Amino acid sequence: MLTIDNLKKKLAYFTLEIDELTINKNDYFVVLGPSGSGKTTLLEIIAGFRKPDDGRIYLNGEDITDTPLNKRKIVMCHGKYLFPHLNVRENIGIGIKDKKLREEKVYEIAEQLNITHLLDRKPNTLSNGEQQRVALARALVVEPEVILLDEPLNALDRLTHENLILELKKLHSNTDITFIHVTHDFIEAIALANKLSIIRNGKIEQFGEIDDIITNPKNEFVARFVGYKNFLKGKIKKEDNQYIFRGGLDIYLNEPYNEGDAILAIRPEDIMLVGEKGCRYHYNKYNLFDAKIVDVYHLSLSTVRAILDVDGVELICEVIRSKANRMNLRKGMRVKISISSSVVIQN
């Protein structure tokens, strides 16, 4: 539906370069990357606020690279783009010429987003979350084909953040609109996206289905960005028809790999705490280790993080709070751990 072909834009410290990217109709497509990686510039080029130095953009097969932004059927959505001199009602309806139709549609979308009580207020009297809802209403009311969301959940309190995620999911499921959303927050990305791209210094490192990226990160940067916390450097060896990673710890692998240098990445939740009495469940009998808890602390209301020393190797483990309480996890405690899953990264 939206295709980017050989796009280039020179920026201050790097060049934004997208060789090829296709976003399908009704995708919720998230561009995930650190600050200053080119995410907002990409949105501004798609919207028409900036011109690329090279390359083409196609919407439904039509070249829109030089099409004026008001004729693209693409809307940039962010609270910071509201007109400060207009009230909420006027901001939402600014793209509709017919007065009667404007009044009907503005009220309808305001009711849908639960902001009818804000219609006569100015943007500077609204909270960040309210401004984002108004921006969404203004985008939806003109029935675009694509909505661009530039860090829409940034700087919101936790409750507002969670509520807006639910509202975005609901809006997306109830329309045929394609959403393109940029963020630096992986949790936000996996809550919303059906397709994901990871960007660094203007280049897309990896894109595709979320599960594919999580289970098969292309490199260490991608792995870190999608939640891997433990990285061991070592070598893959084949011994007695069994593939083993040797690098501080010996980890038996479930799949064949090329022998040689590799990085083993392990997610914190894939390190299972077994307890002092040994295995009670069906853990991998090979990747079972003795460990000492170096530190333990609450990561969230539902998650506890334990820092482990395993034969001089530090590993980060995360467990649900109820299990941590049941095991009475504490600093200095001896436990057994099972590494249930890992990924191998090879160049």
C-alpha atoms as a PDB file:
ATOM      1  CA  MET A   1       0.000   0.000   0.000  1.00  0.00           C
ATOM      2  CA  LEU A   2       2.826   2.388   0.933  1.00  0.00           C
ATOM      3  CA  THR A   3       6.181   1.711  -0.730  1.00  0.00           C
ATOM      4  CA  ILE A   4       9.482   3.513  -0.162  1.00  0.00           C
ATOM      5  CA  ASP A   5      12.124   2.966  -2.833  1.00  0.00           C
ATOM      6  CA  ASN A   6      15.801   4.000  -2.561  1.00  0.00           C
ATOM      7  CA  LEU A   7      15.034   6.898  -0.230  1.00  0.00           C
ATOM      8  CA  LYS A   8      17.937   9.155   0.826  1.00  0.00           C
ATOM      9  CA  LYS A   9      18.002  12.273   2.983  1.00  0.00           C
ATOM     10  CA  LYS A  10      21.223  13.861   4.232  1.00  0.00           C
ATOM     11  CA  LEU A  11      21.011  14.736   7.931  1.00  0.00           C
ATOM     12  CA  ALA A  12      23.497  16.410  10.273  1.00  0.00           C
ATOM     13  CA  TYR A  13      25.408  13.305  11.388  1.00  0.00           C
ATOM     14  CA  PHE A  14      24.284  10.589   8.969  1.00  0.00           C
ATOM     15  CA  THR A  15      22.152   9.939   5.906  1.00  0.00           C
ATOM     16  CA  LEU A  16      18.680   8.449   6.165  1.00  0.00           C
ATOM     17  CA  GLU A  17      18.747   5.574   3.650  1.00  0.00           C
ATOM     18  CA  ILE A  18      15.774   3.255   3.071  1.00  0.00           C
ATOM     19  CA  ASP A  19      16.524   0.897   0.188  1.00  0.00           C
ATOM     20  CA  GLU A  20      13.089  -0.700   0.105  1.00  0.00           C
ATOM     21  CA  LEU A  21      10.186  -0.745   2.531  1.00  0.00           C
ATOM     22  CA  THR A  22       6.590  -1.852   1.940  1.00  0.00           C
ATOM     23  CA  ILE A  23       3.808  -1.244   4.464  1.00  0.00           C
ATOM     24  CA  ASN A  24       0.525  -3.029   3.781  1.00  0.00           C
ATOM     25  CA  LYS A  25      -2.981  -1.629   4.064  1.00  0.00           C
ATOM     26  CA  ASN A  26      -4.281  -1.639   7.679  1.00  0.00           C
ATOM     27  CA  ASP A  27      -0.875  -2.522   9.127  1.00  0.00           C
ATOM     28  CA  TYR A  28       0.001  -1.103  12.518  1.00  0.00           C
ATOM     29  CA  PHE A  29       3.625  -0.540  11.562  1.00  0.00           C
ATOM     30  CA  VAL A  30       6.046   0.582  14.279  1.00  0.00           C
ATOM     31  CA  VAL A  31       9.472   2.101  13.598  1.00  0.00           C
ATOM     32  CA  LEU A  32      11.549   1.427  16.712  1.00  0.00           C
ATOM     33  CA  GLY A  33      14.910   3.061  17.405  1.00  0.00           C
ATOM     34  CA  PRO A  34      16.928   5.333  19.686  1.00  0.00           C
ATOM     35  CA  SER A  35      16.613   9.113  19.712  1.00  0.00           C
ATOM     36  CA  GLY A  36      18.299  10.761  16.728  1.00  0.00           C
ATOM     37  CA  SER A  37      18.103   7.671  14.503  1.00  0.00           C
ATOM     38  CA  GLY A  38      15.984   9.302  11.772  1.00  0.00           C
ATOM     39  CA  LYS A  39      12.505   8.143  12.841  1.00  0.00           C
ATOM     40  CA  THR A  40      10.803  11.564  12.818  1.00  0.00           C
ATOM     41  CA  THR A  41      12.538  12.589   9.581  1.00  0.00           C
ATOM     42  CA  LEU A  42      11.147   9.464   7.916  1.00  0.00           C
ATOM     43  CA  LEU A  43       7.614  10.417   8.996  1.00  0.00           C
ATOM     44  CA  GLU A  44       8.076  14.010   7.820  1.00  0.00           C
ATOM     45  CA  ILE A  45       9.159  12.781   4.380  1.00  0.00           C
ATOM     46  CA  ILE A  46       6.185  10.397   4.128  1.00  0.00           C
ATOM     47  CA  ALA A  47       3.841  13.223   5.202  1.00  0.00           C
ATOM     48  CA  GLY A  48       5.345  15.713   2.744  1.00  0.00           C
ATOM     49  CA  PHE A  49       6.859  18.160   5.244  1.00  0.00           C
ATOM     50  CA  ARG A  50      10.334  17.349   3.882  1.00  0.00           C
ATOM     51  CA  LYS A  51      11.599  16.405   0.439  1.00  0.00           C
ATOM     52  CA  PRO A  52      13.983  13.466   0.043  1.00  0.00           C
ATOM     53  CA  ASP A  53      17.311  14.072  -1.683  1.00  0.00           C
ATOM     54  CA  ASP A  54      16.689  10.940  -3.731  1.00  0.00           C
ATOM     55  CA  GLY A  55      14.204   8.081  -4.020  1.00  0.00           C
ATOM     56  CA  ARG A  56      10.454   7.726  -4.480  1.00  0.00           C
ATOM     57  CA  ILE A  57       7.367   7.182  -2.292  1.00  0.00           C
ATOM     58  CA  TYR A  58       4.304   5.366  -3.644  1.00  0.00           C
ATOM     59  CA  LEU A  59       0.796   5.200  -2.168  1.00  0.00           C
ATOM     60  CA  ASN A  60      -1.407   2.526  -3.757  1.00  0.00           C
ATOM     61  CA  GLY A  61       0.957   2.454  -6.734  1.00  0.00           C
ATOM     62  CA  GLU A  62       0.838   6.229  -7.283  1.00  0.00           C
ATOM     63  CA  ASP A  63       4.065   8.223  -6.994  1.00  0.00           C
ATOM     64  CA  ILE A  64       3.395  10.864  -4.293  1.00  0.00           C
ATOM     65  CA  THR A  65       6.995  12.017  -3.797  1.00  0.00           C
ATOM     66  CA  ASP A  66       6.208  15.490  -5.165  1.00  0.00           C
ATOM     67  CA  THR A  67       2.512  15.581  -4.184  1.00  0.00           C
ATOM     68  CA  PRO A  68       1.602  18.480  -1.833  1.00  0.00           C
ATOM     69  CA  LEU A  69       1.090  17.319   1.741  1.00  0.00           C
ATOM     70  CA  ASN A  70      -2.593  18.379   1.776  1.00  0.00           C
ATOM     71  CA  LYS A  71      -3.344  16.020  -1.133  1.00  0.00           C
ATOM     72  CA  ARG A  72      -1.583  12.877   0.080  1.00  0.00           C
ATOM     73  CA  LYS A  73      -4.368  11.286   2.193  1.00  0.00           C
ATOM     74  CA  ILE A  74      -1.689  11.019   4.855  1.00  0.00           C
ATOM     75  CA  VAL A  75      -1.989  12.810   8.209  1.00  0.00           C
ATOM     76  CA  MET A  76       0.742  13.515  10.773  1.00  0.00           C
ATOM     77  CA  CYS A  77      -0.706  13.129  14.255  1.00  0.00           C
ATOM     78  CA  HIS A  78       0.877  14.725  17.326  1.00  0.00           C
ATOM     79  CA  GLY A  79      -0.366  17.042  20.053  1.00  0.00           C
ATOM     80  CA  LYS A  80       2.421  19.520  19.326  1.00  0.00           C
ATOM     81  CA  TYR A  81       0.913  20.178  15.866  1.00  0.00           C
ATOM     82  CA  LEU A  82      -2.385  21.597  17.214  1.00  0.00           C
ATOM     83  CA  PHE A  83      -3.152  25.218  16.341  1.00  0.00           C
ATOM     84  CA  PRO A  84      -2.816  27.171  19.621  1.00  0.00           C
ATOM     85  CA  HIS A  85      -5.195  30.000  18.576  1.00  0.00           C
ATOM     86  CA  LEU A  86      -8.078  27.581  17.801  1.00  0.00           C
ATOM     87  CA  ASN A  87     -10.189  25.694  20.307  1.00  0.00           C
ATOM     88  CA  VAL A  88     -10.494  21.914  20.238  1.00  0.00           C
ATOM     89  CA  ARG A  89     -13.656  21.941  18.128  1.00  0.00           C
ATOM     90  CA  GLU A  90     -11.982  24.156  15.499  1.00  0.00           C
ATOM     91  CA  ASN A  91      -8.770  22.126  15.555  1.00  0.00           C
ATOM     92  CA  ILE A  92     -10.606  18.863  14.914  1.00  0.00           C
ATOM     93  CA  GLY A  93     -12.805  20.232  12.145  1.00  0.00           C
ATOM     94  CA  ILE A  94     -10.243  22.359  10.314  1.00  0.00           C
ATOM     95  CA  GLY A  95     -10.004  19.930   7.366  1.00  0.00           C
ATOM     96  CA  ILE A  96     -13.756  19.841   6.605  1.00  0.00           C
ATOM     97  CA  LYS A  97     -15.261  22.691   4.562  1.00  0.00           C
ATOM     98  CA  ASP A  98     -18.984  21.934   4.853  1.00  0.00           C
ATOM     99  CA  LYS A  99     -20.215  23.465   8.126  1.00  0.00           C
ATOM    100  CA  LYS A 100     -23.022  20.998   8.861  1.00  0.00           C
ATOM    101  CA  LEU A 101     -20.908  17.969   8.011  1.00  0.00           C
ATOM    102  CA  ARG A 102     -18.046  19.424  10.078  1.00  0.00           C
ATOM    103  CA  GLU A 103     -20.236  19.814  13.158  1.00  0.00           C
ATOM    104  CA  GLU A 104     -21.588  16.273  12.849  1.00  0.00           C
ATOM    105  CA  LYS A 105     -18.236  14.594  12.298  1.00  0.00           C
ATOM    106  CA  VAL A 106     -16.424  16.612  14.976  1.00  0.00           C
ATOM    107  CA  TYR A 107     -18.975  15.650  17.612  1.00  0.00           C
ATOM    108  CA  GLU A 108     -19.033  12.016  16.452  1.00  0.00           C
ATOM    109  CA  ILE A 109     -15.255  11.577  16.673  1.00  0.00           C
ATOM    110  CA  ALA A 110     -15.042  13.581  19.925  1.00  0.00           C
ATOM    111  CA  GLU A 111     -17.621  11.254  21.465  1.00  0.00           C
ATOM    112  CA  GLN A 112     -15.707   8.223  20.217  1.00  0.00           C
ATOM    113  CA  LEU A 113     -12.529   9.486  21.918  1.00  0.00           C
ATOM    114  CA  ASN A 114     -14.365  10.746  25.009  1.00  0.00           C
ATOM    115  CA  ILE A 115     -13.314  14.393  24.562  1.00  0.00           C
ATOM    116  CA  THR A 116     -16.669  16.148  24.034  1.00  0.00           C
ATOM    117  CA  HIS A 117     -16.118  18.026  27.307  1.00  0.00           C
ATOM    118  CA  LEU A 118     -12.944  19.581  25.822  1.00  0.00           C
ATOM    119  CA  LEU A 119     -14.439  20.982  22.608  1.00  0.00           C
ATOM    120  CA  ASP A 120     -14.458  24.649  23.689  1.00  0.00           C
ATOM    121  CA  ARG A 121     -11.024  24.656  25.314  1.00  0.00           C
ATOM    122  CA  LYS A 122      -7.704  25.809  23.832  1.00  0.00           C
ATOM    123  CA  PRO A 123      -4.799  23.355  23.424  1.00  0.00           C
ATOM    124  CA  ASN A 124      -2.633  25.086  26.052  1.00  0.00           C
ATOM    125  CA  THR A 125      -5.223  24.229  28.730  1.00  0.00           C
ATOM    126  CA  LEU A 126      -5.042  20.495  27.986  1.00  0.00           C
ATOM    127  CA  SER A 127      -2.841  17.788  29.459  1.00  0.00           C
ATOM    128  CA  ASN A 128      -0.433  15.902  27.176  1.00  0.00           C
ATOM    129  CA  GLY A 129      -2.807  12.953  27.018  1.00  0.00           C
ATOM    130  CA  GLU A 130      -5.754  15.185  26.120  1.00  0.00           C
ATOM    131  CA  GLN A 131      -3.708  16.891  23.397  1.00  0.00           C
ATOM    132  CA  GLN A 132      -2.885  13.497  21.897  1.00  0.00           C
ATOM    133  CA  ARG A 133      -6.567  12.534  21.828  1.00  0.00           C
ATOM    134  CA  VAL A 134      -7.437  15.812  20.088  1.00  0.00           C
ATOM    135  CA  ALA A 135      -4.671  15.220  17.536  1.00  0.00           C
ATOM    136  CA  LEU A 136      -6.045  11.720  16.917  1.00  0.00           C
ATOM    137  CA  ALA A 137      -9.545  13.122  16.465  1.00  0.00           C
ATOM    138  CA  ARG A 138      -8.306  15.699  13.953  1.00  0.00           C
ATOM    139  CA  ALA A 139      -6.501  12.978  12.005  1.00  0.00           C
ATOM    140  CA  LEU A 140      -9.419  10.529  11.991  1.00  0.00           C
ATOM    141  CA  VAL A 141     -12.092  13.051  11.065  1.00  0.00           C
ATOM    142  CA  VAL A 142     -10.710  13.565   7.540  1.00  0.00           C
ATOM    143  CA  GLU A 143     -10.668   9.781   6.914  1.00  0.00           C
ATOM    144  CA  PRO A 144      -7.051   9.464   5.734  1.00  0.00           C
ATOM    145  CA  GLU A 145      -5.485   6.313   4.321  1.00  0.00           C
ATOM    146  CA  VAL A 146      -2.412   6.641   6.545  1.00  0.00           C
ATOM    147  CA  ILE A 147      -1.952   8.137  10.028  1.00  0.00           C
ATOM    148  CA  LEU A 148       1.590   8.955  11.142  1.00  0.00           C
ATOM    149  CA  LEU A 149       2.200   8.942  14.904  1.00  0.00           C
ATOM    150  CA  ASP A 150       5.388  10.637  16.130  1.00  0.00           C
ATOM    151  CA  GLU A 151       6.170   9.372  19.664  1.00  0.00           C
ATOM    152  CA  PRO A 152       2.472   9.836  20.599  1.00  0.00           C
ATOM    153  CA  LEU A 153       2.831   8.279  24.057  1.00  0.00           C
ATOM    154  CA  ASN A 154       5.999  10.089  25.091  1.00  0.00           C
ATOM    155  CA  ALA A 155       5.998  12.009  28.407  1.00  0.00           C
ATOM    156  CA  LEU A 156       2.635  10.633  29.539  1.00  0.00           C
ATOM    157  CA  ASP A 157       1.932   9.341  33.025  1.00  0.00           C
ATOM    158  CA  ARG A 158       1.646   5.566  33.346  1.00  0.00           C
ATOM    159  CA  LEU A 159      -2.160   5.397  33.509  1.00  0.00           C
ATOM    160  CA  THR A 160      -2.661   7.751  30.550  1.00  0.00           C
ATOM    161  CA  HIS A 161      -0.014   5.825  28.604  1.00  0.00           C
ATOM    162  CA  GLU A 162      -1.823   2.523  29.159  1.00  0.00           C
ATOM    163  CA  ASN A 163      -5.230   4.005  28.313  1.00  0.00           C
ATOM    164  CA  LEU A 164      -3.964   5.524  25.056  1.00  0.00           C
ATOM    165  CA  ILE A 165      -2.413   2.207  24.012  1.00  0.00           C
ATOM    166  CA  LEU A 166      -5.830   0.587  24.440  1.00  0.00           C
ATOM    167  CA  GLU A 167      -7.503   3.419  22.513  1.00  0.00           C
ATOM    168  CA  LEU A 168      -5.010   3.175  19.635  1.00  0.00           C
ATOM    169  CA  LYS A 169      -5.530  -0.583  19.408  1.00  0.00           C
ATOM    170  CA  LYS A 170      -9.289  -0.115  19.371  1.00  0.00           C
ATOM    171  CA  LEU A 171      -9.174   2.664  16.764  1.00  0.00           C
ATOM    172  CA  HIS A 172      -6.928   0.617  14.513  1.00  0.00           C
ATOM    173  CA  SER A 173      -9.102  -2.491  14.737  1.00  0.00           C
ATOM    174  CA  ASN A 174     -12.249  -0.476  13.933  1.00  0.00           C
ATOM    175  CA  THR A 175     -10.893   1.216  10.788  1.00  0.00           C
ATOM    176  CA  ASP A 176      -9.103   0.342   7.535  1.00  0.00           C
ATOM    177  CA  ILE A 177      -6.494   3.031   8.188  1.00  0.00           C
ATOM    178  CA  THR A 178      -2.789   2.202   8.117  1.00  0.00           C
ATOM    179  CA  PHE A 179      -0.950   3.404  11.216  1.00  0.00           C
ATOM    180  CA  ILE A 180       2.781   4.193  11.133  1.00  0.00           C
ATOM    181  CA  HIS A 181       4.060   4.823  14.644  1.00  0.00           C
ATOM    182  CA  VAL A 182       7.596   5.758  15.735  1.00  0.00           C
ATOM    183  CA  THR A 183       8.894   5.167  19.242  1.00  0.00           C
ATOM    184  CA  HIS A 184      11.988   4.273  21.266  1.00  0.00           C
ATOM    185  CA  ASP A 185       9.909   2.100  23.654  1.00  0.00           C
ATOM    186  CA  PHE A 186       9.973  -1.639  22.908  1.00  0.00           C
ATOM    187  CA  ILE A 187       7.086  -2.439  25.279  1.00  0.00           C
ATOM    188  CA  GLU A 188       4.949   0.137  23.490  1.00  0.00           C
ATOM    189  CA  ALA A 189       5.963  -1.351  20.135  1.00  0.00           C
ATOM    190  CA  ILE A 190       5.016  -4.945  20.951  1.00  0.00           C
ATOM    191  CA  ALA A 191       1.715  -3.815  22.495  1.00  0.00           C
ATOM    192  CA  LEU A 192       0.633  -2.152  19.247  1.00  0.00           C
ATOM    193  CA  ALA A 193       2.484  -3.402  16.189  1.00  0.00           C
ATOM    194  CA  ASN A 194       1.771  -6.246  13.827  1.00  0.00           C
ATOM    195  CA  LYS A 195       4.898  -5.264  11.828  1.00  0.00           C
ATOM    196  CA  LEU A 196       8.080  -3.806  13.255  1.00  0.00           C
ATOM    197  CA  SER A 197      11.251  -2.197  11.938  1.00  0.00           C
ATOM    198  CA  ILE A 198      14.396  -1.407  13.913  1.00  0.00           C
ATOM    199  CA  ILE A 199      16.276   1.704  12.774  1.00  0.00           C
ATOM    200  CA  ARG A 200      19.768   2.927  13.684  1.00  0.00           C
ATOM    201  CA  ASN A 201      21.659   5.921  12.261  1.00  0.00           C
ATOM    202  CA  GLY A 202      19.215   6.262   9.374  1.00  0.00           C
ATOM    203  CA  LYS A 203      19.287   2.623   8.271  1.00  0.00           C
ATOM    204  CA  ILE A 204      16.759  -0.121   8.934  1.00  0.00           C
ATOM    205  CA  GLU A 205      18.588  -2.949  10.667  1.00  0.00           C
ATOM    206  CA  GLN A 206      15.695  -5.417  10.513  1.00  0.00           C
ATOM    207  CA  PHE A 207      11.972  -5.449   9.797  1.00  0.00           C
ATOM    208  CA  GLY A 208       9.169  -7.972   9.714  1.00  0.00           C
ATOM    209  CA  GLU A 209       6.759  -9.755  12.050  1.00  0.00           C
ATOM    210  CA  ILE A 210       7.419  -9.064  15.730  1.00  0.00           C
ATOM    211  CA  ASP A 211       7.811 -12.735  16.682  1.00  0.00           C
ATOM    212  CA  ASP A 212      10.347 -13.284  13.897  1.00  0.00           C
ATOM    213  CA  ILE A 213      12.477 -10.343  15.025  1.00  0.00           C
ATOM    214  CA  ILE A 214      12.341 -11.381  18.688  1.00  0.00           C
ATOM    215  CA  THR A 215      13.281 -14.990  17.979  1.00  0.00           C
ATOM    216  CA  ASN A 216      15.795 -14.241  15.196  1.00  0.00           C
ATOM    217  CA  PRO A 217      17.477 -10.875  15.832  1.00  0.00           C
ATOM    218  CA  LYS A 218      19.880 -10.028  13.025  1.00  0.00           C
ATOM    219  CA  ASN A 219      22.612  -8.582  15.254  1.00  0.00           C
ATOM    220  CA  GLU A 220      23.424  -7.564  18.822  1.00  0.00           C
ATOM    221  CA  PHE A 221      21.940  -4.063  18.424  1.00  0.00           C
ATOM    222  CA  VAL A 222      18.565  -5.495  17.400  1.00  0.00           C
ATOM    223  CA  ALA A 223      18.702  -8.105  20.149  1.00  0.00           C
ATOM    224  CA  ARG A 224      19.335  -5.450  22.800  1.00  0.00           C
ATOM    225  CA  PHE A 225      16.522  -3.309  21.480  1.00  0.00           C
ATOM    226  CA  VAL A 226      13.997  -6.158  21.645  1.00  0.00           C
ATOM    227  CA  GLY A 227      14.753  -7.081  25.237  1.00  0.00           C
ATOM    228  CA  TYR A 228      17.765  -9.386  25.396  1.00  0.00           C
ATOM    229  CA  LYS A 229      19.916  -8.513  28.427  1.00  0.00           C
ATOM    230  CA  ASN A 230      22.518 -11.288  28.579  1.00  0.00           C
ATOM    231  CA  PHE A 231      25.265 -11.551  25.944  1.00  0.00           C
ATOM    232  CA  LEU A 232      28.044 -14.126  26.028  1.00  0.00           C
ATOM    233  CA  LYS A 233      30.906 -14.103  23.535  1.00  0.00           C
ATOM    234  CA  GLY A 234      32.395 -17.443  22.568  1.00  0.00           C
ATOM    235  CA  LYS A 235      32.521 -20.171  19.960  1.00  0.00           C
ATOM    236  CA  ILE A 236      30.176 -22.810  18.557  1.00  0.00           C
ATOM    237  CA  LYS A 237      31.582 -26.340  18.672  1.00  0.00           C
ATOM    238  CA  LYS A 238      30.175 -29.618  17.375  1.00  0.00           C
ATOM    239  CA  GLU A 239      30.902 -32.534  19.687  1.00  0.00           C
ATOM    240  CA  ASP A 240      29.321 -35.993  19.436  1.00  0.00           C
ATOM    241  CA  ASN A 241      26.651 -34.671  17.079  1.00  0.00           C
ATOM    242  CA  GLN A 242      25.713 -32.027  19.636  1.00  0.00           C
ATOM    243  CA  TYR A 243      26.218 -28.291  19.075  1.00  0.00           C
ATOM    244  CA  ILE A 244      27.614 -26.480  22.113  1.00  0.00           C
ATOM    245  CA  PHE A 245      28.287 -22.809  22.772  1.00  0.00           C
ATOM    246  CA  ARG A 246      31.446 -22.352  24.828  1.00  0.00           C
ATOM    247  CA  GLY A 247      31.927 -18.874  26.268  1.00  0.00           C
ATOM    248  CA  GLY A 248      32.174 -18.569  30.044  1.00  0.00           C
ATOM    249  CA  LEU A 249      29.417 -21.176  30.265  1.00  0.00           C
ATOM    250  CA  ASP A 250      28.849 -24.269  28.151  1.00  0.00           C
ATOM    251  CA  ILE A 251      25.364 -24.017  26.646  1.00  0.00           C
ATOM    252  CA  TYR A 252      23.895 -26.925  24.685  1.00  0.00           C
ATOM    253  CA  LEU A 253      21.998 -25.763  21.584  1.00  0.00           C
ATOM    254  CA  ASN A 254      18.828 -27.221  20.109  1.00  0.00           C
ATOM    255  CA  GLU A 255      19.728 -26.431  16.490  1.00  0.00           C
ATOM    256  CA  PRO A 256      22.792 -26.840  14.253  1.00  0.00           C
ATOM    257  CA  TYR A 257      24.963 -23.764  13.649  1.00  0.00           C
ATOM    258  CA  ASN A 258      28.181 -22.997  11.823  1.00  0.00           C
ATOM    259  CA  GLU A 259      31.187 -23.670  14.008  1.00  0.00           C
ATOM    260  CA  GLY A 260      33.173 -20.590  14.977  1.00  0.00           C
ATOM    261  CA  ASP A 261      32.814 -17.248  16.738  1.00  0.00           C
ATOM    262  CA  ALA A 262      29.358 -16.325  17.981  1.00  0.00           C
ATOM    263  CA  ILE A 263      27.404 -14.291  20.496  1.00  0.00           C
ATOM    264  CA  LEU A 264      24.806 -16.059  22.617  1.00  0.00           C
ATOM    265  CA  ALA A 265      21.896 -13.816  23.638  1.00  0.00           C
ATOM    266  CA  ILE A 266      19.533 -14.776  26.456  1.00  0.00           C
ATOM    267  CA  ARG A 267      16.359 -12.988  27.536  1.00  0.00           C
ATOM    268  CA  PRO A 268      16.030 -12.466  31.328  1.00  0.00           C
ATOM    269  CA  GLU A 269      12.727 -14.362  31.452  1.00  0.00           C
ATOM    270  CA  ASP A 270      14.356 -17.387  29.776  1.00  0.00           C
ATOM    271  CA  ILE A 271      16.573 -17.986  32.802  1.00  0.00           C
ATOM    272  CA  MET A 272      14.410 -20.135  35.068  1.00  0.00           C
ATOM    273  CA  LEU A 273      15.062 -20.115  38.810  1.00  0.00           C
ATOM    274  CA  VAL A 274      14.762 -23.652  40.135  1.00  0.00           C
ATOM    275  CA  GLY A 275      15.581 -23.167  43.835  1.00  0.00           C
ATOM    276  CA  GLU A 276      17.928 -24.813  46.297  1.00  0.00           C
ATOM    277  CA  LYS A 277      16.181 -28.211  46.223  1.00  0.00           C
ATOM    278  CA  GLY A 278      16.791 -28.782  42.525  1.00  0.00           C
ATOM    279  CA  CYS A 279      14.475 -29.434  39.609  1.00  0.00           C
ATOM    280  CA  ARG A 280      10.772 -29.907  40.283  1.00  0.00           C
ATOM    281  CA  TYR A 281       9.747 -29.398  36.656  1.00  0.00           C
ATOM    282  CA  HIS A 282      10.900 -30.516  33.218  1.00  0.00           C
ATOM    283  CA  TYR A 283      13.802 -28.152  32.648  1.00  0.00           C
ATOM    284  CA  ASN A 284      16.540 -28.707  30.061  1.00  0.00           C
ATOM    285  CA  LYS A 285      18.767 -31.258  31.800  1.00  0.00           C
ATOM    286  CA  TYR A 286      21.878 -29.980  29.989  1.00  0.00           C
ATOM    287  CA  ASN A 287      21.690 -26.239  30.678  1.00  0.00           C
ATOM    288  CA  LEU A 288      21.298 -26.458  34.435  1.00  0.00           C
ATOM    289  CA  PHE A 289      23.727 -24.437  36.598  1.00  0.00           C
ATOM    290  CA  ASP A 290      24.405 -23.528  40.208  1.00  0.00           C
ATOM    291  CA  ALA A 291      24.155 -19.779  40.841  1.00  0.00           C
ATOM    292  CA  LYS A 292      24.359 -17.200  43.609  1.00  0.00           C
ATOM    293  CA  ILE A 293      22.053 -14.182  43.807  1.00  0.00           C
ATOM    294  CA  VAL A 294      24.255 -11.064  43.848  1.00  0.00           C
ATOM    295  CA  ASP A 295      21.322  -8.648  44.024  1.00  0.00           C
ATOM    296  CA  VAL A 296      17.545  -8.749  43.808  1.00  0.00           C
ATOM    297  CA  TYR A 297      15.041  -5.904  43.411  1.00  0.00           C
ATOM    298  CA  HIS A 298      11.555  -5.084  42.123  1.00  0.00           C
ATOM    299  CA  LEU A 299      11.570  -4.114  38.458  1.00  0.00           C
ATOM    300  CA  SER A 300       7.829  -3.355  38.386  1.00  0.00           C
ATOM    301  CA  LEU A 301       4.711  -4.154  40.396  1.00  0.00           C
ATOM    302  CA  SER A 302       4.655  -7.624  38.847  1.00  0.00           C
ATOM    303  CA  THR A 303       8.318  -8.399  38.082  1.00  0.00           C
ATOM    304  CA  VAL A 304      11.437  -9.013  40.158  1.00  0.00           C
ATOM    305  CA  ARG A 305      14.954  -8.886  38.733  1.00  0.00           C
ATOM    306  CA  ALA A 306      17.772 -11.034  40.110  1.00  0.00           C
ATOM    307  CA  ILE A 307      21.453 -10.498  39.284  1.00  0.00           C
ATOM    308  CA  LEU A 308      23.184 -13.882  39.280  1.00  0.00           C
ATOM    309  CA  ASP A 309      26.774 -15.047  39.548  1.00  0.00           C
ATOM    310  CA  VAL A 310      27.186 -18.292  37.591  1.00  0.00           C
ATOM    311  CA  ASP A 311      30.800 -19.488  37.777  1.00  0.00           C
ATOM    312  CA  GLY A 312      32.005 -15.877  37.512  1.00  0.00           C
ATOM    313  CA  VAL A 313      29.555 -14.991  34.723  1.00  0.00           C
ATOM    314  CA  GLU A 314      26.944 -12.339  35.552  1.00  0.00           C
ATOM    315  CA  LEU A 315      23.443 -13.034  34.275  1.00  0.00           C
ATOM    316  CA  ILE A 316      20.219 -11.046  34.597  1.00  0.00           C
ATOM    317  CA  CYS A 317      17.085 -13.005  35.397  1.00  0.00           C
ATOM    318  CA  GLU A 318      13.491 -11.786  35.722  1.00  0.00           C
ATOM    319  CA  VAL A 319      10.641 -13.651  37.417  1.00  0.00           C
ATOM    320  CA  ILE A 320       7.081 -12.809  38.371  1.00  0.00           C
ATOM    321  CA  ARG A 321       6.681 -11.342  41.831  1.00  0.00           C
ATOM    322  CA  SER A 322       4.585 -14.225  43.197  1.00  0.00           C
ATOM    323  CA  LYS A 323       7.333 -16.742  42.336  1.00  0.00           C
ATOM    324  CA  ALA A 324      10.013 -14.494  43.868  1.00  0.00           C
ATOM    325  CA  ASN A 325       7.970 -14.276  47.072  1.00  0.00           C
ATOM    326  CA  ARG A 326       7.286 -18.019  47.083  1.00  0.00           C
ATOM    327  CA  MET A 327      11.009 -18.772  46.752  1.00  0.00           C
ATOM    328  CA  ASN A 328      11.890 -15.992  49.225  1.00  0.00           C
ATOM    329  CA  LEU A 329      14.574 -14.690  46.869  1.00  0.00           C
ATOM    330  CA  ARG A 330      17.293 -12.758  48.695  1.00  0.00           C
ATOM    331  CA  LYS A 331      20.835 -11.518  48.224  1.00  0.00           C
ATOM    332  CA  GLY A 332      23.421 -14.257  48.800  1.00  0.00           C
ATOM    333  CA  MET A 333      20.952 -17.086  48.231  1.00  0.00           C
ATOM    334  CA  ARG A 334      22.118 -20.162  46.307  1.00  0.00           C
ATOM    335  CA  VAL A 335      19.828 -21.357  43.527  1.00  0.00           C
ATOM    336  CA  LYS A 336      19.855 -23.593  40.502  1.00  0.00           C
ATOM    337  CA  ILE A 337      18.987 -22.062  37.146  1.00  0.00           C
ATOM    338  CA  SER A 338      17.932 -23.507  33.830  1.00  0.00           C
ATOM    339  CA  ILE A 339      18.521 -21.603  30.595  1.00  0.00           C
ATOM    340  CA  SER A 340      15.406 -22.561  28.687  1.00  0.00           C
ATOM    341  CA  SER A 341      16.018 -20.602  25.478  1.00  0.00           C
ATOM    342  CA  SER A 342      18.691 -18.547  23.738  1.00  0.00           C
ATOM    343  CA  VAL A 343      19.594 -17.235  20.298  1.00  0.00           C
ATOM    344  CA  VAL A 344      22.899 -17.424  18.465  1.00  0.00           C
ATOM    345  CA  ILE A 345      24.140 -14.359  16.583  1.00  0.00           C
ATOM    346  CA  GLN A 346      26.810 -15.019  13.972  1.00  0.00           C
ATOM    347  CA  ASN A 347      28.235 -12.689  11.329  1.00  0.00           C
END
